[in-house]
Amino acid sequence: MAGAKSHDYHILPPSPWPLIGSMAALVMAAGAIMWMHSAAFGGWVFFAGLGGVLFTMYSWWSDVIREAHAGDHTPVVGLHLRYGMILFIASEVMFFVGWFWAWFDFSLFPSTVDAVGGTWPPKGIEVIDPFAFPLLNTLILLCSGTTITWAHHALLHGDRDGLKNGLWATILLGLVFSCIQAYEYMHAPFAFKGLNYGAAFFMATGFHGFHVIVGTIFLIVNLIRAYRGDFTPKQHFGFEAAAWYWHFVDVVWLFLFISIYIWGSAGATIHAG
């Protein structure tokens, strides 16, 4: 029969989102460059491009959700979606490898200029106490890893209330983590500029904080979908992807806590504030 489907794959219809998304990203990048060089309307161009990127993300993922409801996510398609998420997380791992590389390069081979003095952390600098707010945030993220696992377990067993409660708990813990990190940044005893220590610290921990915010938004979307009745024990890739992403964020923080906060503060003066 003409047009009959004889395979398990989902052939996508023509979509405008790749073109729209790439053009919006180009506008956003151009606006960012203009803004950083104090060009006229640079900020407006950046936010226009950012709005286009966010609109593309919302529209594209809405199409994916509609495809799932239409039954287009066959076992083969679902497997490939999982492969895609695994590759995405792997690319994020390599992103953080760059920041860890910079940190260990600075720390193992500190500059001999007077401002650094051939030591790490640089001489005269006060560092954040790793066993104050950083340790608290570590416990918060570890707890959030258990609550998202609780939500996943509840989903697999058809417990809708457990799914919602687990998501609520994880989202609240993520928000608390972000608030504590913002407070820590506001009271940090060193600045971003001037020394490699501040730049490496804020870039590594700051990008992780950004990923926590993205992951929290990811979980909020899943919570909304849970209240709408989405997800079944057999079909819940959207939730699974969010859970994987959140566990990735947890693991990265453990490495940050050990290498930057604990090891990176060895022998340095701890800030009393």
Protein backbone atom coordinates (compact mmCIF):
# COMPACT_ATOMS: atom_id res chain seq x y z
CA MET A 1 0.00 0.00 0.00
CA ALA A 2 1.42 3.39 -1.03
CA GLY A 3 2.59 5.49 1.92
CA ALA A 4 2.39 2.59 4.38
CA LYS A 5 4.93 2.79 7.23
CA SER A 6 7.17 -0.28 7.30
CA HIS A 7 9.71 0.84 9.89
CA ASP A 8 9.89 2.00 13.52
CA TYR A 9 11.46 5.38 12.78
CA HIS A 10 9.67 8.73 12.86
CA ILE A 11 10.27 10.79 9.72
CA LEU A 12 10.00 14.42 10.74
CA PRO A 13 7.99 16.84 8.62
CA PRO A 14 9.72 20.06 7.47
CA SER A 15 10.35 22.25 10.50
CA PRO A 16 11.17 25.98 10.61
CA TRP A 17 12.88 25.82 14.00
CA PRO A 18 16.46 24.91 12.94
CA LEU A 19 16.60 27.94 10.64
CA ILE A 20 14.84 30.27 13.07
CA GLY A 21 16.96 29.07 15.98
CA SER A 22 20.26 29.50 14.12
CA MET A 23 19.32 33.01 12.97
CA ALA A 24 18.24 33.96 16.51
CA ALA A 25 21.53 32.63 17.89
CA LEU A 26 23.44 34.69 15.33
CA VAL A 27 21.53 37.82 16.35
CA MET A 28 22.14 37.10 20.03
CA ALA A 29 25.88 36.59 19.49
CA ALA A 30 26.14 39.76 17.40
CA GLY A 31 24.22 41.69 20.05
CA ALA A 32 26.50 40.38 22.80
CA ILE A 33 29.59 41.53 20.86
CA MET A 34 28.01 44.93 20.20
CA TRP A 35 27.04 45.26 23.87
CA MET A 36 30.53 44.37 25.13
CA HIS A 37 32.00 47.01 22.79
CA SER A 38 29.44 49.63 23.93
CA ALA A 39 27.91 49.85 20.47
CA ALA A 40 24.54 51.56 20.09
CA PHE A 41 21.55 49.26 20.67
CA GLY A 42 23.85 46.32 21.47
CA GLY A 43 21.79 45.33 24.51
CA TRP A 44 18.54 45.53 22.57
CA VAL A 45 19.94 43.33 19.79
CA PHE A 46 21.20 40.80 22.33
CA PHE A 47 17.87 40.50 24.13
CA ALA A 48 15.99 40.31 20.82
CA GLY A 49 18.18 37.38 19.82
CA LEU A 50 17.80 35.80 23.26
CA GLY A 51 14.02 36.08 22.94
CA GLY A 52 14.21 34.34 19.57
CA VAL A 53 16.32 31.53 21.02
CA LEU A 54 13.91 31.02 23.93
CA PHE A 55 10.91 31.07 21.59
CA THR A 56 12.60 28.48 19.36
CA MET A 57 13.34 26.24 22.33
CA TYR A 58 9.75 26.44 23.57
CA SER A 59 8.25 25.81 20.14
CA TRP A 60 10.61 23.01 19.16
CA TRP A 61 10.21 21.10 22.41
CA SER A 62 6.44 21.60 22.21
CA ASP A 63 6.57 19.83 18.85
CA VAL A 64 8.52 16.98 20.42
CA ILE A 65 5.91 16.64 23.19
CA ARG A 66 3.11 16.57 20.62
CA GLU A 67 4.97 13.85 18.73
CA ALA A 68 5.19 11.81 21.93
CA HIS A 69 1.45 12.15 22.54
CA ALA A 70 0.79 11.16 18.92
CA GLY A 71 2.64 7.89 19.45
CA ASP A 72 5.59 8.77 17.21
CA HIS A 73 8.15 7.95 19.91
CA THR A 74 8.49 4.27 19.18
CA PRO A 75 11.04 2.19 21.15
CA VAL A 76 13.67 2.88 18.47
CA VAL A 77 12.97 6.62 18.48
CA GLY A 78 13.03 6.67 22.29
CA LEU A 79 16.38 4.89 22.29
CA HIS A 80 17.84 7.46 19.92
CA LEU A 81 16.47 10.31 22.03
CA ARG A 82 18.36 8.82 24.96
CA TYR A 83 21.52 8.55 22.85
CA GLY A 84 21.12 12.23 22.03
CA MET A 85 20.81 13.19 25.69
CA ILE A 86 23.85 11.08 26.59
CA LEU A 87 25.91 12.83 23.90
CA PHE A 88 24.68 16.22 25.12
CA ILE A 89 25.75 15.46 28.69
CA ALA A 90 29.09 14.18 27.38
CA SER A 91 29.62 17.53 25.61
CA GLU A 92 28.81 19.29 28.89
CA VAL A 93 31.40 17.13 30.65
CA MET A 94 34.03 18.29 28.18
CA PHE A 95 32.91 21.90 28.73
CA PHE A 96 33.69 21.59 32.43
CA VAL A 97 36.94 19.76 31.70
CA GLY A 98 38.18 23.04 30.22
CA TRP A 99 37.51 24.97 33.44
CA PHE A 100 39.03 22.23 35.60
CA TRP A 101 42.05 22.25 33.29
CA ALA A 102 42.48 25.98 33.79
CA TRP A 103 42.15 25.63 37.56
CA PHE A 104 44.73 22.83 37.84
CA ASP A 105 47.09 24.61 35.44
CA PHE A 106 46.99 27.75 37.60
CA SER A 107 47.30 25.80 40.84
CA LEU A 108 50.00 23.30 39.87
CA PHE A 109 52.10 25.87 38.00
CA PRO A 110 51.42 29.19 39.74
CA SER A 111 52.90 32.33 38.25
CA THR A 112 56.06 33.73 39.80
CA VAL A 113 54.99 37.35 39.36
CA ASP A 114 54.92 39.35 42.57
CA ALA A 115 51.11 39.38 42.78
CA VAL A 116 51.00 35.59 42.86
CA GLY A 117 54.36 34.78 44.39
CA GLY A 118 54.67 31.27 43.00
CA THR A 119 52.06 29.92 45.42
CA TRP A 120 48.45 28.83 45.13
CA PRO A 121 46.22 30.39 46.22
CA PRO A 122 48.17 33.59 45.48
CA LYS A 123 49.88 35.15 48.46
CA GLY A 124 47.80 37.55 50.52
CA ILE A 125 44.44 36.26 49.28
CA GLU A 126 41.70 35.08 51.62
CA VAL A 127 39.60 32.16 50.42
CA ILE A 128 36.09 30.96 51.19
CA ASP A 129 35.75 28.48 54.03
CA PRO A 130 34.90 25.19 52.26
CA PHE A 131 33.14 23.84 55.33
CA ALA A 132 30.64 26.68 55.62
CA PHE A 133 28.27 27.51 52.74
CA PRO A 134 30.04 25.23 50.20
CA LEU A 135 29.53 22.22 52.45
CA LEU A 136 25.90 23.21 53.04
CA ASN A 137 25.33 23.46 49.29
CA THR A 138 26.96 20.05 48.85
CA LEU A 139 24.48 18.51 51.29
CA ILE A 140 21.62 20.31 49.53
CA LEU A 141 22.57 18.92 46.12
CA LEU A 142 23.09 15.43 47.53
CA CYS A 143 19.61 15.60 49.05
CA SER A 144 18.21 16.82 45.74
CA GLY A 145 19.71 13.77 44.06
CA THR A 146 17.69 11.56 46.41
CA THR A 147 14.45 13.52 45.88
CA ILE A 148 14.66 13.34 42.07
CA THR A 149 15.32 9.59 42.42
CA TRP A 150 12.25 9.37 44.66
CA ALA A 151 10.20 11.12 41.97
CA HIS A 152 11.51 8.75 39.30
CA HIS A 153 10.76 5.70 41.43
CA ALA A 154 7.25 7.00 42.09
CA LEU A 155 6.66 7.54 38.38
CA LEU A 156 7.76 4.02 37.52
CA HIS A 157 5.24 2.66 40.05
CA GLY A 158 2.35 4.89 38.98
CA ASP A 159 2.46 7.06 42.11
CA ARG A 160 1.48 10.48 40.73
CA ASP A 161 1.56 12.19 44.15
CA GLY A 162 5.05 10.87 44.83
CA LEU A 163 6.16 12.13 41.42
CA LYS A 164 4.86 15.64 42.12
CA ASN A 165 6.18 15.77 45.68
CA GLY A 166 9.61 14.56 44.60
CA LEU A 167 9.76 17.19 41.87
CA TRP A 168 8.61 19.93 44.26
CA ALA A 169 11.31 18.96 46.77
CA THR A 170 14.04 18.88 44.12
CA ILE A 171 13.01 22.25 42.68
CA LEU A 172 12.96 23.89 46.12
CA LEU A 173 16.39 22.46 46.95
CA GLY A 174 17.73 23.76 43.64
CA LEU A 175 16.36 27.24 44.37
CA VAL A 176 17.90 27.21 47.86
CA PHE A 177 21.25 26.19 46.36
CA SER A 178 21.13 29.11 43.90
CA CYS A 179 20.23 31.60 46.64
CA ILE A 180 23.09 30.43 48.86
CA GLN A 181 25.56 30.62 45.98
CA ALA A 182 24.40 34.15 45.14
CA TYR A 183 24.93 35.16 48.79
CA GLU A 184 28.38 33.55 48.73
CA TYR A 185 29.32 35.49 45.60
CA MET A 186 28.17 38.78 47.10
CA HIS A 187 30.38 38.25 50.15
CA ALA A 188 33.37 36.60 48.45
CA PRO A 189 36.68 38.01 49.78
CA PHE A 190 38.19 38.18 46.26
CA ALA A 191 37.08 39.66 42.96
CA PHE A 192 36.77 38.26 39.44
CA LYS A 193 39.39 40.64 38.09
CA GLY A 194 43.02 40.90 39.00
CA LEU A 195 44.17 37.37 39.79
CA ASN A 196 43.82 34.00 38.10
CA TYR A 197 42.29 32.65 41.30
CA GLY A 198 39.16 34.77 41.11
CA ALA A 199 38.69 34.26 37.37
CA ALA A 200 39.09 30.48 37.56
CA PHE A 201 36.90 30.24 40.66
CA PHE A 202 34.00 32.29 39.36
CA MET A 203 34.04 30.79 35.86
CA ALA A 204 34.01 27.19 37.12
CA THR A 205 31.52 27.61 39.95
CA GLY A 206 29.50 30.25 38.09
CA PHE A 207 28.90 28.07 35.06
CA HIS A 208 27.89 25.27 37.39
CA GLY A 209 25.45 27.66 39.06
CA PHE A 210 24.05 28.50 35.62
CA HIS A 211 23.55 24.78 34.98
CA VAL A 212 21.71 24.46 38.29
CA ILE A 213 19.34 27.24 37.19
CA VAL A 214 18.80 25.55 33.80
CA GLY A 215 18.21 22.23 35.53
CA THR A 216 15.72 23.83 37.92
CA ILE A 217 13.78 25.28 34.97
CA PHE A 218 13.90 21.84 33.33
CA LEU A 219 12.37 20.32 36.47
CA ILE A 220 9.70 23.05 36.70
CA VAL A 221 8.59 22.23 33.15
CA ASN A 222 8.39 18.56 34.14
CA LEU A 223 6.35 19.46 37.22
CA ILE A 224 3.87 21.39 35.04
CA ARG A 225 3.65 18.42 32.69
CA ALA A 226 3.12 16.09 35.65
CA TYR A 227 0.11 18.17 36.77
CA ARG A 228 -1.19 18.03 33.19
CA GLY A 229 -1.14 14.23 33.35
CA ASP A 230 1.87 13.67 31.12
CA PHE A 231 4.33 10.79 31.64
CA THR A 232 3.52 7.14 32.09
CA PRO A 233 5.65 4.38 33.64
CA LYS A 234 6.58 3.26 30.11
CA GLN A 235 6.93 6.64 28.38
CA HIS A 236 8.60 9.48 30.24
CA PHE A 237 11.75 10.46 28.36
CA GLY A 238 11.28 14.16 29.19
CA PHE A 239 11.42 13.40 32.90
CA GLU A 240 14.28 10.94 32.46
CA ALA A 241 16.35 13.51 30.58
CA ALA A 242 15.80 16.07 33.36
CA ALA A 243 16.81 13.52 36.00
CA TRP A 244 19.99 12.62 34.12
CA TYR A 245 20.86 16.27 33.74
CA TRP A 246 20.29 16.91 37.45
CA HIS A 247 22.50 13.98 38.46
CA PHE A 248 25.20 15.34 36.13
CA VAL A 249 24.98 18.71 37.90
CA ASP A 250 25.33 16.93 41.26
CA VAL A 251 28.46 15.04 40.20
CA VAL A 252 30.13 18.13 38.76
CA TRP A 253 29.55 19.97 42.04
CA LEU A 254 31.23 17.19 44.02
CA PHE A 255 34.35 17.59 41.86
CA LEU A 256 34.18 21.37 42.26
CA PHE A 257 33.79 21.11 46.02
CA ILE A 258 36.75 18.75 46.39
CA SER A 259 39.17 20.37 43.93
CA ILE A 260 38.34 24.09 44.18
CA TYR A 261 36.93 24.60 47.65
CA ILE A 262 38.86 22.01 49.70
CA TRP A 263 42.09 21.34 47.81
CA GLY A 264 42.22 24.88 46.43
CA SER A 265 42.10 26.40 49.91
CA ALA A 266 44.86 24.26 51.45
CA GLY A 267 47.40 26.42 53.21
CA ALA A 268 45.54 29.65 52.50
CA THR A 269 44.00 32.16 54.88
CA ILE A 270 40.30 31.41 55.41
CA HIS A 271 38.02 34.42 55.20
CA ALA A 272 36.44 35.01 58.60
CA GLY A 273 33.24 36.58 57.24
